[in-house]
Amino acid sequence: TPAMKVARLGEWFNVRTAWHGPGDVSPVGHAANLHIDLAVWNFGVQEGAYHFGEKEQEVFPGCPTFKDGYAYVNEVPGLGVDINEKEAAKYPINNKAPGWTVRKFDGTIIRP
C-alpha cells in the first residue's frame, strides 16, 4: 500500500512513523494503522481514540483493543476486523457534514 511504501522509505533515513488516528477514524482504519506499526521497525507513535464503545465493537467485530497503554490486534487474517451489516443498519448516516470538512455529501474530496 502507499502507506507501507512511505514507512519503508522512512526506514532508509531513520525517520519514525506517526500515523494520524483521530476519533473519527473507524476501527477498520485504526486496525490498518496498527498493522503498519507492527510491520515496520521504524514505528514511532500511534495517535488514536484508544477506546471503541460497545456499539462500535458490535458493528466491527474484531476491532483493535487497548489496555494499559498498549494496542492489540487479533490474529484473524487480513486486518482482522469484520463489518456486521445488520448491526450497522441500526445507525444510518445523517449526511450532515461538519463545517470543517473538505468533502461533499457523497464523500468526494473538494479543494478548500
PDB file of N, CA and C in Angstrom:
ATOM      1  N   THR A   1       0.837  -1.184   0.000  1.00  0.00           N
ATOM      2  CA  THR A   1       0.000   0.000   0.000  1.00  0.00           C
ATOM      3  C   THR A   1       0.879   1.243   0.000  1.00  0.00           C
ATOM      4  N   PRO A   2       0.316   2.379  -0.380  1.00  0.00           N
ATOM      5  CA  PRO A   2       1.107   3.607  -0.349  1.00  0.00           C
ATOM      6  C   PRO A   2       1.662   3.919   1.037  1.00  0.00           C
ATOM      7  N   ALA A   3       0.887   3.670   2.083  1.00  0.00           N
ATOM      8  CA  ALA A   3       1.373   3.955   3.442  1.00  0.00           C
ATOM      9  C   ALA A   3       2.575   3.087   3.789  1.00  0.00           C
ATOM     10  N   MET A   4       2.554   1.830   3.389  1.00  0.00           N
ATOM     11  CA  MET A   4       3.703   0.953   3.655  1.00  0.00           C
ATOM     12  C   MET A   4       4.932   1.444   2.895  1.00  0.00           C
ATOM     13  N   LYS A   5       4.731   1.933   1.683  1.00  0.00           N
ATOM     14  CA  LYS A   5       5.860   2.455   0.908  1.00  0.00           C
ATOM     15  C   LYS A   5       6.472   3.669   1.603  1.00  0.00           C
ATOM     16  N   VAL A   6       5.622   4.541   2.145  1.00  0.00           N
ATOM     17  CA  VAL A   6       6.123   5.710   2.873  1.00  0.00           C
ATOM     18  C   VAL A   6       6.894   5.264   4.110  1.00  0.00           C
ATOM     19  N   ALA A   7       6.340   4.289   4.835  1.00  0.00           N
ATOM     20  CA  ALA A   7       7.022   3.791   6.039  1.00  0.00           C
ATOM     21  C   ALA A   7       8.368   3.170   5.676  1.00  0.00           C
ATOM     22  N   ARG A   8       8.399   2.376   4.618  1.00  0.00           N
ATOM     23  CA  ARG A   8       9.654   1.738   4.202  1.00  0.00           C
ATOM     24  C   ARG A   8      10.679   2.776   3.747  1.00  0.00           C
ATOM     25  N   LEU A   9      10.225   3.820   3.080  1.00  0.00           N
ATOM     26  CA  LEU A   9      11.139   4.890   2.680  1.00  0.00           C
ATOM     27  C   LEU A   9      11.740   5.551   3.919  1.00  0.00           C
ATOM     28  N   GLY A  10      10.914   5.765   4.935  1.00  0.00           N
ATOM     29  CA  GLY A  10      11.403   6.355   6.178  1.00  0.00           C
ATOM     30  C   GLY A  10      12.479   5.520   6.844  1.00  0.00           C
ATOM     31  N   GLU A  11      12.415   4.194   6.669  1.00  0.00           N
ATOM     32  CA  GLU A  11      13.439   3.317   7.252  1.00  0.00           C
ATOM     33  C   GLU A  11      14.831   3.687   6.752  1.00  0.00           C
ATOM     34  N   TRP A  12      14.942   4.031   5.472  1.00  0.00           N
ATOM     35  CA  TRP A  12      16.244   4.356   4.875  1.00  0.00           C
ATOM     36  C   TRP A  12      16.884   5.579   5.524  1.00  0.00           C
ATOM     37  N   PHE A  13      16.048   6.461   6.053  1.00  0.00           N
ATOM     38  CA  PHE A  13      16.545   7.718   6.608  1.00  0.00           C
ATOM     39  C   PHE A  13      16.362   7.805   8.125  1.00  0.00           C
ATOM     40  N   ASN A  14      16.058   6.671   8.758  1.00  0.00           N
ATOM     41  CA  ASN A  14      15.837   6.616  10.209  1.00  0.00           C
ATOM     42  C   ASN A  14      14.750   7.580  10.678  1.00  0.00           C
ATOM     43  N   VAL A  15      13.697   7.700   9.875  1.00  0.00           N
ATOM     44  CA  VAL A  15      12.548   8.529  10.228  1.00  0.00           C
ATOM     45  C   VAL A  15      11.463   7.617  10.784  1.00  0.00           C
ATOM     46  N   ARG A  16      10.991   7.931  11.959  1.00  0.00           N
ATOM     47  CA  ARG A  16       9.954   7.110  12.596  1.00  0.00           C
ATOM     48  C   ARG A  16       8.562   7.505  12.095  1.00  0.00           C
ATOM     49  N   THR A  17       7.646   6.544  12.126  1.00  0.00           N
ATOM     50  CA  THR A  17       6.283   6.801  11.678  1.00  0.00           C
ATOM     51  C   THR A  17       5.446   7.379  12.814  1.00  0.00           C
ATOM     52  N   ALA A  18       4.411   8.110  12.430  1.00  0.00           N
ATOM     53  CA  ALA A  18       3.440   8.661  13.385  1.00  0.00           C
ATOM     54  C   ALA A  18       2.121   8.807  12.632  1.00  0.00           C
ATOM     55  N   TRP A  19       1.374   7.713  12.540  1.00  0.00           N
ATOM     56  CA  TRP A  19       0.143   7.714  11.750  1.00  0.00           C
ATOM     57  C   TRP A  19      -0.968   8.452  12.477  1.00  0.00           C
ATOM     58  N   HIS A  20      -1.716   9.223  11.708  1.00  0.00           N
ATOM     59  CA  HIS A  20      -2.830  10.012  12.228  1.00  0.00           C
ATOM     60  C   HIS A  20      -3.999   9.076  12.510  1.00  0.00           C
ATOM     61  N   GLY A  21      -4.588   9.162  13.672  1.00  0.00           N
ATOM     62  CA  GLY A  21      -5.699   8.291  14.030  1.00  0.00           C
ATOM     63  C   GLY A  21      -6.689   8.975  14.947  1.00  0.00           C
ATOM     64  N   PRO A  22      -7.361  10.037  14.469  1.00  0.00           N
ATOM     65  CA  PRO A  22      -8.289  10.753  15.336  1.00  0.00           C
ATOM     66  C   PRO A  22      -9.527   9.922  15.651  1.00  0.00           C
ATOM     67  N   GLY A  23     -10.352  10.435  16.522  1.00  0.00           N
ATOM     68  CA  GLY A  23     -11.533   9.711  16.958  1.00  0.00           C
ATOM     69  C   GLY A  23     -12.559   9.437  15.886  1.00  0.00           C
ATOM     70  N   ASP A  24     -12.503  10.140  14.752  1.00  0.00           N
ATOM     71  CA  ASP A  24     -13.482   9.878  13.701  1.00  0.00           C
ATOM     72  C   ASP A  24     -13.013   8.820  12.703  1.00  0.00           C
ATOM     73  N   VAL A  25     -11.888   8.183  12.960  1.00  0.00           N
ATOM     74  CA  VAL A  25     -11.427   7.073  12.123  1.00  0.00           C
ATOM     75  C   VAL A  25     -12.073   5.796  12.648  1.00  0.00           C
ATOM     76  N   SER A  26     -12.574   4.978  11.740  1.00  0.00           N
ATOM     77  CA  SER A  26     -13.266   3.751  12.148  1.00  0.00           C
ATOM     78  C   SER A  26     -12.292   2.722  12.716  1.00  0.00           C
ATOM     79  N   PRO A  27     -12.814   1.696  13.374  1.00  0.00           N
ATOM     80  CA  PRO A  27     -11.953   0.607  13.833  1.00  0.00           C
ATOM     81  C   PRO A  27     -11.172  -0.050  12.690  1.00  0.00           C
ATOM     82  N   VAL A  28     -11.719  -0.026  11.482  1.00  0.00           N
ATOM     83  CA  VAL A  28     -11.006  -0.593  10.332  1.00  0.00           C
ATOM     84  C   VAL A  28      -9.763   0.243  10.033  1.00  0.00           C
ATOM     85  N   GLY A  29      -9.912   1.570  10.049  1.00  0.00           N
ATOM     86  CA  GLY A  29      -8.768   2.452   9.826  1.00  0.00           C
ATOM     87  C   GLY A  29      -7.710   2.312  10.904  1.00  0.00           C
ATOM     88  N   HIS A  30      -8.147   2.200  12.151  1.00  0.00           N
ATOM     89  CA  HIS A  30      -7.186   2.008  13.244  1.00  0.00           C
ATOM     90  C   HIS A  30      -6.465   0.669  13.106  1.00  0.00           C
ATOM     91  N   ALA A  31      -7.192  -0.371  12.694  1.00  0.00           N
ATOM     92  CA  ALA A  31      -6.553  -1.680  12.503  1.00  0.00           C
ATOM     93  C   ALA A  31      -5.492  -1.592  11.413  1.00  0.00           C
ATOM     94  N   ALA A  32      -5.794  -0.871  10.323  1.00  0.00           N
ATOM     95  CA  ALA A  32      -4.813  -0.716   9.245  1.00  0.00           C
ATOM     96  C   ALA A  32      -3.563  -0.009   9.761  1.00  0.00           C
ATOM     97  N   ASN A  33      -3.748   1.070  10.523  1.00  0.00           N
ATOM     98  CA  ASN A  33      -2.600   1.783  11.099  1.00  0.00           C
ATOM     99  C   ASN A  33      -1.769   0.872  11.991  1.00  0.00           C
ATOM    100  N   LEU A  34      -2.437   0.117  12.854  1.00  0.00           N
ATOM    101  CA  LEU A  34      -1.715  -0.745  13.791  1.00  0.00           C
ATOM    102  C   LEU A  34      -0.951  -1.851  13.075  1.00  0.00           C
ATOM    103  N   HIS A  35      -1.506  -2.377  11.994  1.00  0.00           N
ATOM    104  CA  HIS A  35      -0.798  -3.419  11.247  1.00  0.00           C
ATOM    105  C   HIS A  35       0.461  -2.862  10.590  1.00  0.00           C
ATOM    106  N   ILE A  36       0.400  -1.619  10.119  1.00  0.00           N
ATOM    107  CA  ILE A  36       1.615  -0.993   9.588  1.00  0.00           C
ATOM    108  C   ILE A  36       2.631  -0.834  10.719  1.00  0.00           C
ATOM    109  N   ASP A  37       2.162  -0.367  11.878  1.00  0.00           N
ATOM    110  CA  ASP A  37       3.054  -0.198  13.035  1.00  0.00           C
ATOM    111  C   ASP A  37       3.785  -1.499  13.360  1.00  0.00           C
ATOM    112  N   LEU A  38       3.065  -2.612  13.291  1.00  0.00           N
ATOM    113  CA  LEU A  38       3.647  -3.909  13.639  1.00  0.00           C
ATOM    114  C   LEU A  38       4.581  -4.454  12.563  1.00  0.00           C
ATOM    115  N   ALA A  39       4.467  -3.924  11.343  1.00  0.00           N
ATOM    116  CA  ALA A  39       5.228  -4.478  10.221  1.00  0.00           C
ATOM    117  C   ALA A  39       6.543  -3.757   9.942  1.00  0.00           C
ATOM    118  N   VAL A  40       6.751  -2.590  10.541  1.00  0.00           N
ATOM    119  CA  VAL A  40       7.966  -1.821  10.243  1.00  0.00           C
ATOM    120  C   VAL A  40       8.779  -1.605  11.514  1.00  0.00           C
ATOM    121  N   TRP A  41      10.083  -1.546  11.366  1.00  0.00           N
ATOM    122  CA  TRP A  41      10.938  -1.354  12.544  1.00  0.00           C
ATOM    123  C   TRP A  41      10.997   0.102  12.969  1.00  0.00           C
ATOM    124  N   ASN A  42      10.615   1.032  12.089  1.00  0.00           N
ATOM    125  CA  ASN A  42      10.734   2.450  12.408  1.00  0.00           C
ATOM    126  C   ASN A  42       9.439   3.040  12.967  1.00  0.00           C
ATOM    127  N   PHE A  43       8.596   2.191  13.565  1.00  0.00           N
ATOM    128  CA  PHE A  43       7.389   2.681  14.229  1.00  0.00           C
ATOM    129  C   PHE A  43       7.774   3.669  15.320  1.00  0.00           C
ATOM    130  N   GLY A  44       7.081   4.801  15.355  1.00  0.00           N
ATOM    131  CA  GLY A  44       7.381   5.814  16.362  1.00  0.00           C
ATOM    132  C   GLY A  44       6.271   5.952  17.378  1.00  0.00           C
ATOM    133  N   VAL A  45       5.121   6.437  16.935  1.00  0.00           N
ATOM    134  CA  VAL A  45       3.989   6.655  17.830  1.00  0.00           C
ATOM    135  C   VAL A  45       2.707   6.473  17.022  1.00  0.00           C
ATOM    136  N   GLN A  46       1.642   6.076  17.701  1.00  0.00           N
ATOM    137  CA  GLN A  46       0.354   5.911  17.039  1.00  0.00           C
ATOM    138  C   GLN A  46      -0.685   6.770  17.738  1.00  0.00           C
ATOM    139  N   GLU A  47      -1.196   7.746  17.013  1.00  0.00           N
ATOM    140  CA  GLU A  47      -2.301   8.546  17.536  1.00  0.00           C
ATOM    141  C   GLU A  47      -3.570   7.707  17.434  1.00  0.00           C
ATOM    142  N   GLY A  48      -4.464   7.830  18.396  1.00  0.00           N
ATOM    143  CA  GLY A  48      -5.684   7.042  18.304  1.00  0.00           C
ATOM    144  C   GLY A  48      -6.722   7.406  19.328  1.00  0.00           C
ATOM    145  N   ALA A  49      -7.934   6.867  19.110  1.00  0.00           N
ATOM    146  CA  ALA A  49      -9.061   7.108  20.009  1.00  0.00           C
ATOM    147  C   ALA A  49      -8.922   6.276  21.277  1.00  0.00           C
ATOM    148  N   TYR A  50      -8.255   5.141  21.201  1.00  0.00           N
ATOM    149  CA  TYR A  50      -7.934   4.277  22.335  1.00  0.00           C
ATOM    150  C   TYR A  50      -9.116   3.689  23.083  1.00  0.00           C
ATOM    151  N   HIS A  51     -10.294   3.768  22.514  1.00  0.00           N
ATOM    152  CA  HIS A  51     -11.420   3.057  23.112  1.00  0.00           C
ATOM    153  C   HIS A  51     -12.536   2.972  22.082  1.00  0.00           C
ATOM    154  N   PHE A  52     -12.993   1.782  21.839  1.00  0.00           N
ATOM    155  CA  PHE A  52     -14.161   1.599  20.992  1.00  0.00           C
ATOM    156  C   PHE A  52     -15.279   1.116  21.890  1.00  0.00           C
ATOM    157  N   GLY A  53     -16.395   1.832  21.859  1.00  0.00           N
ATOM    158  CA  GLY A  53     -17.529   1.502  22.710  1.00  0.00           C
ATOM    159  C   GLY A  53     -18.194   0.198  22.301  1.00  0.00           C
ATOM    160  N   GLU A  54     -19.175  -0.179  23.084  1.00  0.00           N
ATOM    161  CA  GLU A  54     -19.885  -1.442  22.853  1.00  0.00           C
ATOM    162  C   GLU A  54     -20.544  -1.471  21.477  1.00  0.00           C
ATOM    163  N   LYS A  55     -21.146  -0.348  21.068  1.00  0.00           N
ATOM    164  CA  LYS A  55     -21.805  -0.294  19.757  1.00  0.00           C
ATOM    165  C   LYS A  55     -20.792  -0.481  18.633  1.00  0.00           C
ATOM    166  N   GLU A  56     -19.653   0.180  18.740  1.00  0.00           N
ATOM    167  CA  GLU A  56     -18.618   0.038  17.708  1.00  0.00           C
ATOM    168  C   GLU A  56     -18.095  -1.392  17.650  1.00  0.00           C
ATOM    169  N   GLN A  57     -17.948  -2.022  18.788  1.00  0.00           N
ATOM    170  CA  GLN A  57     -17.467  -3.405  18.812  1.00  0.00           C
ATOM    171  C   GLN A  57     -18.493  -4.363  18.221  1.00  0.00           C
ATOM    172  N   GLU A  58     -19.786  -4.048  18.361  1.00  0.00           N
ATOM    173  CA  GLU A  58     -20.824  -4.883  17.755  1.00  0.00           C
ATOM    174  C   GLU A  58     -20.839  -4.723  16.242  1.00  0.00           C
ATOM    175  N   VAL A  59     -20.662  -3.487  15.765  1.00  0.00           N
ATOM    176  CA  VAL A  59     -20.663  -3.234  14.319  1.00  0.00           C
ATOM    177  C   VAL A  59     -19.369  -3.725  13.675  1.00  0.00           C
ATOM    178  N   PHE A  60     -18.252  -3.606  14.383  1.00  0.00           N
ATOM    179  CA  PHE A  60     -16.942  -4.005  13.858  1.00  0.00           C
ATOM    180  C   PHE A  60     -16.314  -5.090  14.730  1.00  0.00           C
ATOM    181  N   PRO A  61     -16.838  -6.330  14.668  1.00  0.00           N
ATOM    182  CA  PRO A  61     -16.228  -7.388  15.482  1.00  0.00           C
ATOM    183  C   PRO A  61     -14.767  -7.610  15.084  1.00  0.00           C
ATOM    184  N   GLY A  62     -13.931  -7.782  16.082  1.00  0.00           N
ATOM    185  CA  GLY A  62     -12.505  -7.979  15.835  1.00  0.00           C
ATOM    186  C   GLY A  62     -11.710  -6.697  15.835  1.00  0.00           C
ATOM    187  N   CYS A  63     -12.362  -5.566  16.185  1.00  0.00           N
ATOM    188  CA  CYS A  63     -11.644  -4.290  16.164  1.00  0.00           C
ATOM    189  C   CYS A  63     -10.518  -4.298  17.203  1.00  0.00           C
ATOM    190  N   PRO A  64      -9.510  -3.458  17.012  1.00  0.00           N
ATOM    191  CA  PRO A  64      -8.391  -3.418  17.958  1.00  0.00           C
ATOM    192  C   PRO A  64      -8.868  -3.124  19.379  1.00  0.00           C
ATOM    193  N   THR A  65      -8.132  -3.639  20.335  1.00  0.00           N
ATOM    194  CA  THR A  65      -8.432  -3.365  21.738  1.00  0.00           C
ATOM    195  C   THR A  65      -7.243  -2.638  22.357  1.00  0.00           C
ATOM    196  N   PHE A  66      -7.515  -1.895  23.398  1.00  0.00           N
ATOM    197  CA  PHE A  66      -6.493  -1.095  24.058  1.00  0.00           C
ATOM    198  C   PHE A  66      -6.551  -1.368  25.552  1.00  0.00           C
ATOM    199  N   LYS A  67      -5.391  -1.639  26.149  1.00  0.00           N
ATOM    200  CA  LYS A  67      -5.343  -1.913  27.584  1.00  0.00           C
ATOM    201  C   LYS A  67      -3.981  -1.494  28.135  1.00  0.00           C
ATOM    202  N   ASP A  68      -4.007  -0.735  29.204  1.00  0.00           N
ATOM    203  CA  ASP A  68      -2.795  -0.305  29.902  1.00  0.00           C
ATOM    204  C   ASP A  68      -1.778   0.362  28.974  1.00  0.00           C
ATOM    205  N   GLY A  69      -2.268   1.178  28.045  1.00  0.00           N
ATOM    206  CA  GLY A  69      -1.377   1.902  27.152  1.00  0.00           C
ATOM    207  C   GLY A  69      -0.885   1.122  25.949  1.00  0.00           C
ATOM    208  N   TYR A  70      -1.370  -0.098  25.768  1.00  0.00           N
ATOM    209  CA  TYR A  70      -0.956  -0.926  24.636  1.00  0.00           C
ATOM    210  C   TYR A  70      -2.141  -1.194  23.722  1.00  0.00           C
ATOM    211  N   ALA A  71      -1.867  -1.283  22.425  1.00  0.00           N
ATOM    212  CA  ALA A  71      -2.890  -1.622  21.438  1.00  0.00           C
ATOM    213  C   ALA A  71      -2.696  -3.072  21.017  1.00  0.00           C
ATOM    214  N   TYR A  72      -3.803  -3.764  20.830  1.00  0.00           N
ATOM    215  CA  TYR A  72      -3.751  -5.177  20.450  1.00  0.00           C
ATOM    216  C   TYR A  72      -4.608  -5.414  19.216  1.00  0.00           C
ATOM    217  N   VAL A  73      -4.062  -6.147  18.253  1.00  0.00           N
ATOM    218  CA  VAL A  73      -4.839  -6.605  17.105  1.00  0.00           C
ATOM    219  C   VAL A  73      -5.044  -8.106  17.278  1.00  0.00           C
ATOM    220  N   ASN A  74      -6.077  -8.632  16.624  1.00  0.00           N
ATOM    221  CA  ASN A  74      -6.300 -10.074  16.752  1.00  0.00           C
ATOM    222  C   ASN A  74      -5.512 -10.829  15.684  1.00  0.00           C
ATOM    223  N   GLU A  75      -5.615 -12.133  15.669  1.00  0.00           N
ATOM    224  CA  GLU A  75      -4.808 -12.950  14.758  1.00  0.00           C
ATOM    225  C   GLU A  75      -5.587 -13.453  13.552  1.00  0.00           C
ATOM    226  N   VAL A  76      -6.732 -12.855  13.276  1.00  0.00           N
ATOM    227  CA  VAL A  76      -7.531 -13.218  12.111  1.00  0.00           C
ATOM    228  C   VAL A  76      -6.811 -12.694  10.866  1.00  0.00           C
ATOM    229  N   PRO A  77      -6.819 -13.441   9.753  1.00  0.00           N
ATOM    230  CA  PRO A  77      -6.139 -12.968   8.540  1.00  0.00           C
ATOM    231  C   PRO A  77      -6.645 -11.596   8.080  1.00  0.00           C
ATOM    232  N   GLY A  78      -5.798 -10.898   7.361  1.00  0.00           N
ATOM    233  CA  GLY A  78      -6.133  -9.553   6.896  1.00  0.00           C
ATOM    234  C   GLY A  78      -6.024  -8.571   8.044  1.00  0.00           C
ATOM    235  N   LEU A  79      -6.906  -7.595   8.060  1.00  0.00           N
ATOM    236  CA  LEU A  79      -6.901  -6.626   9.158  1.00  0.00           C
ATOM    237  C   LEU A  79      -7.543  -7.196  10.412  1.00  0.00           C
ATOM    238  N   GLY A  80      -8.281  -8.293  10.262  1.00  0.00           N
ATOM    239  CA  GLY A  80      -8.895  -8.935  11.416  1.00  0.00           C
ATOM    240  C   GLY A  80     -10.192  -8.304  11.871  1.00  0.00           C
ATOM    241  N   VAL A  81     -10.675  -7.313  11.137  1.00  0.00           N
ATOM    242  CA  VAL A  81     -11.908  -6.622  11.503  1.00  0.00           C
ATOM    243  C   VAL A  81     -12.984  -6.968  10.482  1.00  0.00           C
ATOM    244  N   ASP A  82     -14.152  -7.318  10.968  1.00  0.00           N
ATOM    245  CA  ASP A  82     -15.282  -7.614  10.095  1.00  0.00           C
ATOM    246  C   ASP A  82     -16.290  -6.477  10.232  1.00  0.00           C
ATOM    247  N   ILE A  83     -17.273  -6.439   9.362  1.00  0.00           N
ATOM    248  CA  ILE A  83     -18.341  -5.450   9.459  1.00  0.00           C
ATOM    249  C   ILE A  83     -19.656  -6.202   9.551  1.00  0.00           C
ATOM    250  N   ASN A  84     -20.371  -6.010  10.646  1.00  0.00           N
ATOM    251  CA  ASN A  84     -21.664  -6.634  10.860  1.00  0.00           C
ATOM    252  C   ASN A  84     -22.717  -5.693  10.274  1.00  0.00           C
ATOM    253  N   GLU A  85     -23.153  -5.973   9.048  1.00  0.00           N
ATOM    254  CA  GLU A  85     -24.062  -5.067   8.351  1.00  0.00           C
ATOM    255  C   GLU A  85     -25.417  -4.960   9.037  1.00  0.00           C
ATOM    256  N   LYS A  86     -25.862  -6.025   9.678  1.00  0.00           N
ATOM    257  CA  LYS A  86     -27.144  -5.987  10.391  1.00  0.00           C
ATOM    258  C   LYS A  86     -27.075  -4.975  11.535  1.00  0.00           C
ATOM    259  N   GLU A  87     -25.978  -4.990  12.292  1.00  0.00           N
ATOM    260  CA  GLU A  87     -25.801  -4.020  13.375  1.00  0.00           C
ATOM    261  C   GLU A  87     -25.592  -2.612  12.823  1.00  0.00           C
ATOM    262  N   ALA A  88     -24.840  -2.491  11.730  1.00  0.00           N
ATOM    263  CA  ALA A  88     -24.557  -1.176  11.142  1.00  0.00           C
ATOM    264  C   ALA A  88     -25.834  -0.500  10.653  1.00  0.00           C
ATOM    265  N   ALA A  89     -26.801  -1.293  10.180  1.00  0.00           N
ATOM    266  CA  ALA A  89     -28.057  -0.730   9.681  1.00  0.00           C
ATOM    267  C   ALA A  89     -28.841  -0.009  10.775  1.00  0.00           C
ATOM    268  N   LYS A  90     -28.538  -0.277  12.024  1.00  0.00           N
ATOM    269  CA  LYS A  90     -29.212   0.393  13.145  1.00  0.00           C
ATOM    270  C   LYS A  90     -28.762   1.845  13.302  1.00  0.00           C
ATOM    271  N   TYR A  91     -27.677   2.222  12.623  1.00  0.00           N
ATOM    272  CA  TYR A  91     -27.096   3.554  12.778  1.00  0.00           C
ATOM    273  C   TYR A  91     -26.954   4.220  11.410  1.00  0.00           C
ATOM    274  N   PRO A  92     -28.074   4.699  10.823  1.00  0.00           N
ATOM    275  CA  PRO A  92     -27.999   5.299   9.486  1.00  0.00           C
ATOM    276  C   PRO A  92     -27.189   6.598   9.488  1.00  0.00           C
ATOM    277  N   ILE A  93     -26.604   6.898   8.349  1.00  0.00           N
ATOM    278  CA  ILE A  93     -25.819   8.123   8.178  1.00  0.00           C
ATOM    279  C   ILE A  93     -26.774   9.304   8.072  1.00  0.00           C
ATOM    280  N   ASN A  94     -26.446  10.414   8.711  1.00  0.00           N
ATOM    281  CA  ASN A  94     -27.333  11.578   8.666  1.00  0.00           C
ATOM    282  C   ASN A  94     -26.985  12.547   7.538  1.00  0.00           C
ATOM    283  N   ASN A  95     -25.874  12.345   6.839  1.00  0.00           N
ATOM    284  CA  ASN A  95     -25.447  13.180   5.705  1.00  0.00           C
ATOM    285  C   ASN A  95     -25.278  14.655   6.046  1.00  0.00           C
ATOM    286  N   LYS A  96     -25.082  14.986   7.289  1.00  0.00           N
ATOM    287  CA  LYS A  96     -24.803  16.365   7.666  1.00  0.00           C
ATOM    288  C   LYS A  96     -23.311  16.483   7.935  1.00  0.00           C
ATOM    289  N   ALA A  97     -22.591  16.977   6.945  1.00  0.00           N
ATOM    290  CA  ALA A  97     -21.141  17.118   7.078  1.00  0.00           C
ATOM    291  C   ALA A  97     -20.829  18.298   7.987  1.00  0.00           C
ATOM    292  N   PRO A  98     -19.855  18.145   8.888  1.00  0.00           N
ATOM    293  CA  PRO A  98     -19.471  19.283   9.736  1.00  0.00           C
ATOM    294  C   PRO A  98     -18.851  20.395   8.897  1.00  0.00           C
ATOM    295  N   GLY A  99     -18.837  21.601   9.443  1.00  0.00           N
ATOM    296  CA  GLY A  99     -18.347  22.752   8.710  1.00  0.00           C
ATOM    297  C   GLY A  99     -16.893  22.672   8.286  1.00  0.00           C
ATOM    298  N   TRP A 100     -16.076  21.883   8.965  1.00  0.00           N
ATOM    299  CA  TRP A 100     -14.645  21.836   8.681  1.00  0.00           C
ATOM    300  C   TRP A 100     -14.284  20.863   7.571  1.00  0.00           C
ATOM    301  N   THR A 101     -15.215  20.086   7.089  1.00  0.00           N
ATOM    302  CA  THR A 101     -14.886  19.026   6.137  1.00  0.00           C
ATOM    303  C   THR A 101     -14.497  19.566   4.763  1.00  0.00           C
ATOM    304  N   VAL A 102     -13.731  18.814   4.046  1.00  0.00           N
ATOM    305  CA  VAL A 102     -13.373  19.158   2.671  1.00  0.00           C
ATOM    306  C   VAL A 102     -13.916  18.080   1.734  1.00  0.00           C
ATOM    307  N   ARG A 103     -15.075  17.544   2.078  1.00  0.00           N
ATOM    308  CA  ARG A 103     -15.720  16.533   1.245  1.00  0.00           C
ATOM    309  C   ARG A 103     -17.175  16.923   1.003  1.00  0.00           C
ATOM    310  N   LYS A 104     -17.679  16.497  -0.152  1.00  0.00           N
ATOM    311  CA  LYS A 104     -19.097  16.667  -0.435  1.00  0.00           C
ATOM    312  C   LYS A 104     -19.863  15.580   0.307  1.00  0.00           C
ATOM    313  N   PHE A 105     -21.193  15.670   0.281  1.00  0.00           N
ATOM    314  CA  PHE A 105     -22.010  14.689   0.989  1.00  0.00           C
ATOM    315  C   PHE A 105     -21.784  13.268   0.491  1.00  0.00           C
ATOM    316  N   ASP A 106     -21.416  13.108  -0.792  1.00  0.00           N
ATOM    317  CA  ASP A 106     -21.182  11.758  -1.327  1.00  0.00           C
ATOM    318  C   ASP A 106     -19.775  11.253  -1.032  1.00  0.00           C
ATOM    319  N   GLY A 107     -18.964  12.044  -0.318  1.00  0.00           N
ATOM    320  CA  GLY A 107     -17.612  11.623   0.037  1.00  0.00           C
ATOM    321  C   GLY A 107     -16.532  12.139  -0.891  1.00  0.00           C
ATOM    322  N   THR A 108     -16.919  12.798  -1.979  1.00  0.00           N
ATOM    323  CA  THR A 108     -15.956  13.333  -2.935  1.00  0.00           C
ATOM    324  C   THR A 108     -15.115  14.426  -2.285  1.00  0.00           C
ATOM    325  N   ILE A 109     -13.806  14.359  -2.477  1.00  0.00           N
ATOM    326  CA  ILE A 109     -12.910  15.376  -1.915  1.00  0.00           C
ATOM    327  C   ILE A 109     -13.004  16.644  -2.754  1.00  0.00           C
ATOM    328  N   ILE A 110     -13.063  17.795  -2.080  1.00  0.00           N
ATOM    329  CA  ILE A 110     -13.075  19.076  -2.778  1.00  0.00           C
ATOM    330  C   ILE A 110     -11.918  19.924  -2.275  1.00  0.00           C
ATOM    331  N   ARG A 111     -11.523  20.863  -3.082  1.00  0.00           N
ATOM    332  CA  ARG A 111     -10.446  21.768  -2.669  1.00  0.00           C
ATOM    333  C   ARG A 111     -11.033  22.896  -1.840  1.00  0.00           C
ATOM    334  N   PRO A 112     -10.386  23.239  -0.736  1.00  0.00           N
ATOM    335  CA  PRO A 112     -10.908  24.342   0.095  1.00  0.00           C
ATOM    336  C   PRO A 112     -10.796  25.677  -0.603  1.00  0.00           C
TER     337      PRO A 112
END
